PDB file of all heavy atoms in Angstrom:
ATOM      1  N   MET A   1    -111.244-150.599-115.260  1.00  0.00           N
ATOM      2  CA  MET A   1    -111.196-152.016-115.390  1.00  0.00           C
ATOM      3  C   MET A   1    -109.745-152.453-115.527  1.00  0.00           C
ATOM      4  O   MET A   1    -108.999-151.893-116.300  1.00  0.00           O
ATOM      5  CB  MET A   1    -111.968-152.554-116.623  1.00  0.00           C
ATOM      6  CG  MET A   1    -111.974-154.051-116.760  1.00  0.00           C
ATOM      7  SD  MET A   1    -112.940-154.603-118.172  1.00  0.00           S
ATOM      8  CE  MET A   1    -114.548-154.150-117.689  1.00  0.00           C
ATOM      9  N   ASP A   2    -109.345-153.392-114.737  1.00  0.00           N
ATOM     10  CA  ASP A   2    -107.900-153.926-114.816  1.00  0.00           C
ATOM     11  C   ASP A   2    -107.918-155.062-115.777  1.00  0.00           C
ATOM     12  O   ASP A   2    -108.814-155.922-115.875  1.00  0.00           O
ATOM     13  CB  ASP A   2    -107.494-154.447-113.412  1.00  0.00           C
ATOM     14  CG  ASP A   2    -107.410-153.310-112.413  1.00  0.00           C
ATOM     15  OD1 ASP A   2    -107.089-152.193-112.872  1.00  0.00           O
ATOM     16  OD2 ASP A   2    -107.681-153.553-111.259  1.00  0.00           O
ATOM     17  N   TYR A   3    -106.842-155.084-116.493  1.00  0.00           N
ATOM     18  CA  TYR A   3    -106.559-156.195-117.459  1.00  0.00           C
ATOM     19  C   TYR A   3    -105.361-156.999-117.035  1.00  0.00           C
ATOM     20  O   TYR A   3    -104.344-156.422-116.585  1.00  0.00           O
ATOM     21  CB  TYR A   3    -106.387-155.625-118.891  1.00  0.00           C
ATOM     22  CG  TYR A   3    -107.604-154.895-119.459  1.00  0.00           C
ATOM     23  CD1 TYR A   3    -107.833-153.608-119.202  1.00  0.00           C
ATOM     24  CD2 TYR A   3    -108.558-155.705-120.236  1.00  0.00           C
ATOM     25  CE1 TYR A   3    -109.025-152.987-119.775  1.00  0.00           C
ATOM     26  CE2 TYR A   3    -109.633-154.997-120.682  1.00  0.00           C
ATOM     27  CZ  TYR A   3    -109.846-153.725-120.453  1.00  0.00           C
ATOM     28  OH  TYR A   3    -111.037-153.136-120.983  1.00  0.00           O
ATOM     29  N   PHE A   4    -105.561-158.306-117.114  1.00  0.00           N
ATOM     30  CA  PHE A   4    -104.473-159.116-116.752  1.00  0.00           C
ATOM     31  C   PHE A   4    -103.922-159.894-118.007  1.00  0.00           C
ATOM     32  O   PHE A   4    -104.741-160.366-118.743  1.00  0.00           O
ATOM     33  CB  PHE A   4    -104.821-160.153-115.687  1.00  0.00           C
ATOM     34  CG  PHE A   4    -105.333-159.582-114.410  1.00  0.00           C
ATOM     35  CD1 PHE A   4    -106.638-159.202-114.173  1.00  0.00           C
ATOM     36  CD2 PHE A   4    -104.349-159.342-113.452  1.00  0.00           C
ATOM     37  CE1 PHE A   4    -107.015-158.686-112.965  1.00  0.00           C
ATOM     38  CE2 PHE A   4    -104.769-158.753-112.206  1.00  0.00           C
ATOM     39  CZ  PHE A   4    -106.045-158.421-111.999  1.00  0.00           C
ATOM     40  N   CYS A   5    -102.631-159.888-118.129  1.00  0.00           N
ATOM     41  CA  CYS A   5    -102.060-160.581-119.317  1.00  0.00           C
ATOM     42  C   CYS A   5    -101.543-161.875-118.814  1.00  0.00           C
ATOM     43  O   CYS A   5    -100.726-161.951-117.892  1.00  0.00           O
ATOM     44  CB  CYS A   5    -100.871-159.752-119.831  1.00  0.00           C
ATOM     45  SG  CYS A   5    -100.048-160.550-121.311  1.00  0.00           S
ATOM     46  N   ILE A   6    -102.086-162.910-119.400  1.00  0.00           N
ATOM     47  CA  ILE A   6    -101.713-164.336-118.994  1.00  0.00           C
ATOM     48  C   ILE A   6    -100.876-164.937-120.086  1.00  0.00           C
ATOM     49  O   ILE A   6    -101.307-165.012-121.225  1.00  0.00           O
ATOM     50  CB  ILE A   6    -103.000-165.197-118.766  1.00  0.00           C
ATOM     51  CG1 ILE A   6    -103.885-164.532-117.701  1.00  0.00           C
ATOM     52  CG2 ILE A   6    -102.588-166.586-118.399  1.00  0.00           C
ATOM     53  CD1 ILE A   6    -105.188-165.307-117.537  1.00  0.00           C
ATOM     54  N   ASN A   7     -99.713-165.226-119.725  1.00  0.00           N
ATOM     55  CA  ASN A   7     -98.765-165.871-120.664  1.00  0.00           C
ATOM     56  C   ASN A   7     -98.912-167.447-120.591  1.00  0.00           C
ATOM     57  O   ASN A   7     -98.743-168.043-119.503  1.00  0.00           O
ATOM     58  CB  ASN A   7     -97.281-165.562-120.373  1.00  0.00           C
ATOM     59  CG  ASN A   7     -97.048-164.076-120.604  1.00  0.00           C
ATOM     60  OD1 ASN A   7     -97.552-163.498-121.565  1.00  0.00           O
ATOM     61  ND2 ASN A   7     -96.291-163.474-119.751  1.00  0.00           N
ATOM     62  N   ILE A   8     -99.290-168.049-121.663  1.00  0.00           N
ATOM     63  CA  ILE A   8     -99.407-169.435-121.638  1.00  0.00           C
ATOM     64  C   ILE A   8     -98.216-170.099-122.390  1.00  0.00           C
ATOM     65  O   ILE A   8     -97.979-169.735-123.550  1.00  0.00           O
ATOM     66  CB  ILE A   8    -100.744-169.909-122.344  1.00  0.00           C
ATOM     67  CG1 ILE A   8    -101.947-169.282-121.644  1.00  0.00           C
ATOM     68  CG2 ILE A   8    -100.824-171.408-122.474  1.00  0.00           C
ATOM     69  CD1 ILE A   8    -103.224-169.559-122.373  1.00  0.00           C
ATOM     70  N   ILE A   9     -97.549-170.955-121.728  1.00  0.00           N
ATOM     71  CA  ILE A   9     -96.376-171.585-122.328  1.00  0.00           C
ATOM     72  C   ILE A   9     -96.789-172.989-122.698  1.00  0.00           C
ATOM     73  O   ILE A   9     -97.201-173.776-121.854  1.00  0.00           O
ATOM     74  CB  ILE A   9     -95.215-171.702-121.375  1.00  0.00           C
ATOM     75  CG1 ILE A   9     -94.819-170.205-120.918  1.00  0.00           C
ATOM     76  CG2 ILE A   9     -93.987-172.353-121.951  1.00  0.00           C
ATOM     77  CD1 ILE A   9     -93.757-170.186-119.877  1.00  0.00           C
ATOM     78  N   ILE A  10     -96.689-173.278-123.947  1.00  0.00           N
ATOM     79  CA  ILE A  10     -97.027-174.570-124.505  1.00  0.00           C
ATOM     80  C   ILE A  10     -95.721-175.390-124.739  1.00  0.00           C
ATOM     81  O   ILE A  10     -94.882-174.947-125.436  1.00  0.00           O
ATOM     82  CB  ILE A  10     -97.863-174.576-125.842  1.00  0.00           C
ATOM     83  CG1 ILE A  10     -99.101-173.719-125.536  1.00  0.00           C
ATOM     84  CG2 ILE A  10     -98.098-175.929-126.278  1.00  0.00           C
ATOM     85  CD1 ILE A  10     -99.946-173.517-126.794  1.00  0.00           C
ATOM     86  N   ILE A  11     -95.566-176.519-123.985  1.00  0.00           N
ATOM     87  CA  ILE A  11     -94.447-177.356-124.168  1.00  0.00           C
ATOM     88  C   ILE A  11     -94.803-178.499-125.067  1.00  0.00           C
ATOM     89  O   ILE A  11     -95.775-179.242-124.875  1.00  0.00           O
ATOM     90  CB  ILE A  11     -93.961-177.921-122.875  1.00  0.00           C
ATOM     91  CG1 ILE A  11     -93.645-176.745-121.914  1.00  0.00           C
ATOM     92  CG2 ILE A  11     -92.780-178.811-123.041  1.00  0.00           C
ATOM     93  CD1 ILE A  11     -93.236-177.166-120.468  1.00  0.00           C
ATOM     94  N   ASP A  12     -94.078-178.639-126.212  1.00  0.00           N
ATOM     95  CA  ASP A  12     -94.350-179.637-127.146  1.00  0.00           C
ATOM     96  C   ASP A  12     -93.555-180.916-126.796  1.00  0.00           C
ATOM     97  O   ASP A  12     -92.316-180.915-126.907  1.00  0.00           O
ATOM     98  CB  ASP A  12     -93.972-179.201-128.590  1.00  0.00           C
ATOM     99  CG  ASP A  12     -94.286-180.208-129.634  1.00  0.00           C
ATOM    100  OD1 ASP A  12     -95.042-181.178-129.382  1.00  0.00           O
ATOM    101  OD2 ASP A  12     -93.718-180.143-130.836  1.00  0.00           O
ATOM    102  N   VAL A  13     -94.248-181.869-126.302  1.00  0.00           N
ATOM    103  CA  VAL A  13     -93.620-183.173-125.900  1.00  0.00           C
ATOM    104  C   VAL A  13     -93.866-184.191-126.985  1.00  0.00           C
ATOM    105  O   VAL A  13     -95.025-184.500-127.271  1.00  0.00           O
ATOM    106  CB  VAL A  13     -94.114-183.587-124.513  1.00  0.00           C
ATOM    107  CG1 VAL A  13     -93.424-184.926-124.118  1.00  0.00           C
ATOM    108  CG2 VAL A  13     -93.866-182.565-123.477  1.00  0.00           C
ATOM    109  N   ALA A  14     -92.795-184.728-127.551  1.00  0.00           N
ATOM    110  CA  ALA A  14     -93.013-185.798-128.545  1.00  0.00           C
ATOM    111  C   ALA A  14     -93.438-187.150-127.895  1.00  0.00           C
ATOM    112  O   ALA A  14     -92.662-187.691-127.124  1.00  0.00           O
ATOM    113  CB  ALA A  14     -91.718-185.981-129.297  1.00  0.00           C
ATOM    114  N   VAL A  15     -94.607-187.532-128.121  1.00  0.00           N
ATOM    115  CA  VAL A  15     -95.155-188.787-127.609  1.00  0.00           C
ATOM    116  C   VAL A  15     -95.709-189.569-128.792  1.00  0.00           C
ATOM    117  O   VAL A  15     -96.448-189.073-129.590  1.00  0.00           O
ATOM    118  CB  VAL A  15     -96.242-188.511-126.634  1.00  0.00           C
ATOM    119  CG1 VAL A  15     -96.855-189.899-126.115  1.00  0.00           C
ATOM    120  CG2 VAL A  15     -95.763-187.657-125.430  1.00  0.00           C
ATOM    121  N   MET A  16     -95.315-190.787-128.892  1.00  0.00           N
ATOM    122  CA  MET A  16     -95.786-191.671-129.879  1.00  0.00           C
ATOM    123  C   MET A  16     -97.230-192.046-129.621  1.00  0.00           C
ATOM    124  O   MET A  16     -97.547-192.628-128.604  1.00  0.00           O
ATOM    125  CB  MET A  16     -94.942-192.920-130.032  1.00  0.00           C
ATOM    126  CG  MET A  16     -95.386-193.852-131.206  1.00  0.00           C
ATOM    127  SD  MET A  16     -94.260-195.196-131.351  1.00  0.00           S
ATOM    128  CE  MET A  16     -95.111-196.027-132.710  1.00  0.00           C
ATOM    129  N   LYS A  17     -98.132-191.700-130.438  1.00  0.00           N
ATOM    130  CA  LYS A  17     -99.547-191.939-130.221  1.00  0.00           C
ATOM    131  C   LYS A  17    -100.069-193.249-130.853  1.00  0.00           C
ATOM    132  O   LYS A  17    -101.090-193.734-130.462  1.00  0.00           O
ATOM    133  CB  LYS A  17    -100.410-190.764-130.764  1.00  0.00           C
ATOM    134  CG  LYS A  17    -100.070-189.486-130.110  1.00  0.00           C
ATOM    135  CD  LYS A  17    -100.972-188.283-130.653  1.00  0.00           C
ATOM    136  CE  LYS A  17    -100.587-187.002-129.952  1.00  0.00           C
ATOM    137  NZ  LYS A  17    -101.351-185.874-130.487  1.00  0.00           N
ATOM    138  N   ASN A  18     -99.311-193.794-131.785  1.00  0.00           N
ATOM    139  CA  ASN A  18     -99.821-194.972-132.441  1.00  0.00           C
ATOM    140  C   ASN A  18     -99.428-196.236-131.702  1.00  0.00           C
ATOM    141  O   ASN A  18     -98.676-197.100-132.106  1.00  0.00           O
ATOM    142  CB  ASN A  18     -99.209-195.014-133.881  1.00  0.00           C
ATOM    143  CG  ASN A  18    -100.094-195.860-134.785  1.00  0.00           C
ATOM    144  OD1 ASN A  18    -101.246-196.294-134.422  1.00  0.00           O
ATOM    145  ND2 ASN A  18     -99.675-196.069-136.069  1.00  0.00           N
ATOM    146  N   ILE A  19    -100.073-196.369-130.534  1.00  0.00           N
ATOM    147  CA  ILE A  19     -99.891-197.599-129.663  1.00  0.00           C
ATOM    148  C   ILE A  19    -101.211-198.245-129.578  1.00  0.00           C
ATOM    149  O   ILE A  19    -102.240-197.705-129.204  1.00  0.00           O
ATOM    150  CB  ILE A  19     -99.325-197.188-128.302  1.00  0.00           C
ATOM    151  CG1 ILE A  19     -98.020-196.537-128.379  1.00  0.00           C
ATOM    152  CG2 ILE A  19     -99.335-198.443-127.430  1.00  0.00           C
ATOM    153  CD1 ILE A  19     -97.434-196.067-127.069  1.00  0.00           C
ATOM    154  N   ILE A  20    -101.233-199.544-129.963  1.00  0.00           N
ATOM    155  CA  ILE A  20    -102.475-200.321-129.940  1.00  0.00           C
ATOM    156  C   ILE A  20    -102.444-201.259-128.768  1.00  0.00           C
ATOM    157  O   ILE A  20    -101.548-202.127-128.662  1.00  0.00           O
ATOM    158  CB  ILE A  20    -102.545-201.228-131.215  1.00  0.00           C
ATOM    159  CG1 ILE A  20    -102.680-200.202-132.540  1.00  0.00           C
ATOM    160  CG2 ILE A  20    -103.792-202.052-131.233  1.00  0.00           C
ATOM    161  CD1 ILE A  20    -102.488-200.923-133.756  1.00  0.00           C
ATOM    162  N   LYS A  21    -103.343-201.103-127.864  1.00  0.00           N
ATOM    163  CA  LYS A  21    -103.376-201.931-126.631  1.00  0.00           C
ATOM    164  C   LYS A  21    -104.162-203.222-126.864  1.00  0.00           C
ATOM    165  O   LYS A  21    -105.344-203.123-127.287  1.00  0.00           O
ATOM    166  CB  LYS A  21    -103.992-201.102-125.488  1.00  0.00           C
ATOM    167  CG  LYS A  21    -104.209-201.937-124.154  1.00  0.00           C
ATOM    168  CD  LYS A  21    -102.906-202.442-123.633  1.00  0.00           C
ATOM    169  CE  LYS A  21    -103.081-203.204-122.320  1.00  0.00           C
ATOM    170  NZ  LYS A  21    -101.862-203.730-121.810  1.00  0.00           N
ATOM    171  N   VAL A  22    -103.561-204.309-126.630  1.00  0.00           N
ATOM    172  CA  VAL A  22    -104.158-205.674-126.796  1.00  0.00           C
ATOM    173  C   VAL A  22    -104.311-206.346-125.370  1.00  0.00           C
ATOM    174  O   VAL A  22    -103.236-206.393-124.706  1.00  0.00           O
ATOM    175  CB  VAL A  22    -103.412-206.549-127.750  1.00  0.00           C
ATOM    176  CG1 VAL A  22    -103.937-207.980-127.696  1.00  0.00           C
ATOM    177  CG2 VAL A  22    -103.446-206.013-129.190  1.00  0.00           C
ATOM    178  N   TRP A  23    -105.451-206.777-125.041  1.00  0.00           N
ATOM    179  CA  TRP A  23    -105.643-207.354-123.730  1.00  0.00           C
ATOM    180  C   TRP A  23    -105.624-208.907-123.875  1.00  0.00           C
ATOM    181  O   TRP A  23    -106.200-209.478-124.801  1.00  0.00           O
ATOM    182  CB  TRP A  23    -107.035-206.953-123.174  1.00  0.00           C
ATOM    183  CG  TRP A  23    -107.090-205.460-122.872  1.00  0.00           C
ATOM    184  CD1 TRP A  23    -107.778-204.613-123.745  1.00  0.00           C
ATOM    185  CD2 TRP A  23    -106.559-204.754-121.813  1.00  0.00           C
ATOM    186  NE1 TRP A  23    -107.603-203.281-123.168  1.00  0.00           N
ATOM    187  CE2 TRP A  23    -106.915-203.344-122.078  1.00  0.00           C
ATOM    188  CE3 TRP A  23    -105.835-205.121-120.691  1.00  0.00           C
ATOM    189  CZ2 TRP A  23    -106.544-202.375-121.161  1.00  0.00           C
ATOM    190  CZ3 TRP A  23    -105.473-204.101-119.788  1.00  0.00           C
ATOM    191  CH2 TRP A  23    -105.833-202.763-120.075  1.00  0.00           C
ATOM    192  N   ASN A  24    -104.880-209.522-122.888  1.00  0.00           N
ATOM    193  CA  ASN A  24    -104.881-211.008-122.786  1.00  0.00           C
ATOM    194  C   ASN A  24    -104.448-211.759-124.103  1.00  0.00           C
ATOM    195  O   ASN A  24    -104.951-212.763-124.372  1.00  0.00           O
ATOM    196  CB  ASN A  24    -106.221-211.523-122.320  1.00  0.00           C
ATOM    197  CG  ASN A  24    -106.689-210.943-120.975  1.00  0.00           C
ATOM    198  OD1 ASN A  24    -105.790-210.881-120.059  1.00  0.00           O
ATOM    199  ND2 ASN A  24    -107.953-210.588-120.855  1.00  0.00           N
ATOM    200  N   ASP A  25    -103.591-211.095-124.855  1.00  0.00           N
ATOM    201  CA  ASP A  25    -103.077-211.710-126.086  1.00  0.00           C
ATOM    202  C   ASP A  25    -104.194-212.071-126.995  1.00  0.00           C
ATOM    203  O   ASP A  25    -104.241-213.229-127.579  1.00  0.00           O
ATOM    204  CB  ASP A  25    -102.142-212.864-125.745  1.00  0.00           C
ATOM    205  CG  ASP A  25    -101.364-213.338-126.991  1.00  0.00           C
ATOM    206  OD1 ASP A  25    -101.118-212.562-127.909  1.00  0.00           O
ATOM    207  OD2 ASP A  25    -100.994-214.532-127.001  1.00  0.00           O
ATOM    208  N   ASN A  26    -105.187-211.266-127.103  1.00  0.00           N
ATOM    209  CA  ASN A  26    -106.400-211.573-127.899  1.00  0.00           C
ATOM    210  C   ASN A  26    -106.799-210.342-128.777  1.00  0.00           C
ATOM    211  O   ASN A  26    -107.838-209.738-128.524  1.00  0.00           O
ATOM    212  CB  ASN A  26    -107.547-211.983-126.986  1.00  0.00           C
ATOM    213  CG  ASN A  26    -108.731-212.537-127.782  1.00  0.00           C
ATOM    214  OD1 ASN A  26    -108.585-213.085-128.911  1.00  0.00           O
ATOM    215  ND2 ASN A  26    -109.925-212.460-127.263  1.00  0.00           N
ATOM    216  N   PRO A  27    -105.999-210.065-129.788  1.00  0.00           N
ATOM    217  CA  PRO A  27    -106.276-208.850-130.546  1.00  0.00           C
ATOM    218  C   PRO A  27    -107.501-209.040-131.476  1.00  0.00           C
ATOM    219  O   PRO A  27    -107.854-210.202-131.877  1.00  0.00           O
ATOM    220  CB  PRO A  27    -104.977-208.721-131.444  1.00  0.00           C
ATOM    221  CG  PRO A  27    -104.462-210.092-131.536  1.00  0.00           C
ATOM    222  CD  PRO A  27    -104.811-210.841-130.293  1.00  0.00           C
ATOM    223  N   THR A  28    -108.116-207.917-131.860  1.00  0.00           N
ATOM    224  CA  THR A  28    -109.153-207.945-132.808  1.00  0.00           C
ATOM    225  C   THR A  28    -108.509-207.904-134.239  1.00  0.00           C
ATOM    226  O   THR A  28    -107.362-207.517-134.398  1.00  0.00           O
ATOM    227  CB  THR A  28    -110.082-206.787-132.636  1.00  0.00           C
ATOM    228  OG1 THR A  28    -109.413-205.536-132.991  1.00  0.00           O
ATOM    229  CG2 THR A  28    -110.646-206.692-131.299  1.00  0.00           C
ATOM    230  N   GLU A  29    -109.309-208.304-135.219  1.00  0.00           N
ATOM    231  CA  GLU A  29    -108.815-208.215-136.610  1.00  0.00           C
ATOM    232  C   GLU A  29    -108.570-206.796-136.961  1.00  0.00           C
ATOM    233  O   GLU A  29    -107.600-206.511-137.762  1.00  0.00           O
ATOM    234  CB  GLU A  29    -109.831-208.853-137.559  1.00  0.00           C
ATOM    235  CG  GLU A  29    -109.941-210.365-137.472  1.00  0.00           C
ATOM    236  CD  GLU A  29    -110.620-211.047-138.638  1.00  0.00           C
ATOM    237  OE1 GLU A  29    -110.909-210.260-139.617  1.00  0.00           O
ATOM    238  OE2 GLU A  29    -110.929-212.189-138.603  1.00  0.00           O
ATOM    239  N   ASP A  30    -109.317-205.863-136.569  1.00  0.00           N
ATOM    240  CA  ASP A  30    -109.054-204.408-136.865  1.00  0.00           C
ATOM    241  C   ASP A  30    -107.779-203.978-136.278  1.00  0.00           C
ATOM    242  O   ASP A  30    -107.016-203.173-136.942  1.00  0.00           O
ATOM    243  CB  ASP A  30    -110.171-203.558-136.292  1.00  0.00           C
ATOM    244  CG  ASP A  30    -111.493-203.658-137.144  1.00  0.00           C
ATOM    245  OD1 ASP A  30    -111.403-204.129-138.217  1.00  0.00           O
ATOM    246  OD2 ASP A  30    -112.514-203.279-136.693  1.00  0.00           O
ATOM    247  N   GLN A  31    -107.392-204.445-135.024  1.00  0.00           N
ATOM    248  CA  GLN A  31    -106.115-204.076-134.501  1.00  0.00           C
ATOM    249  C   GLN A  31    -105.002-204.613-135.254  1.00  0.00           C
ATOM    250  O   GLN A  31    -103.984-203.873-135.613  1.00  0.00           O
ATOM    251  CB  GLN A  31    -106.057-204.598-133.040  1.00  0.00           C
ATOM    252  CG  GLN A  31    -106.909-203.773-132.020  1.00  0.00           C
ATOM    253  CD  GLN A  31    -106.853-204.342-130.664  1.00  0.00           C
ATOM    254  OE1 GLN A  31    -106.878-205.624-130.488  1.00  0.00           O
ATOM    255  NE2 GLN A  31    -106.796-203.521-129.638  1.00  0.00           N
TER     256      GLN A  31
END
């Protein structure tokens, strides 16, 4: 049986996740 070694490269990209999308300038109270 042949075995294949797969190298996985993980690139850490800094992305700001705390973005709140408001539609038509009508936010909810929770937002």
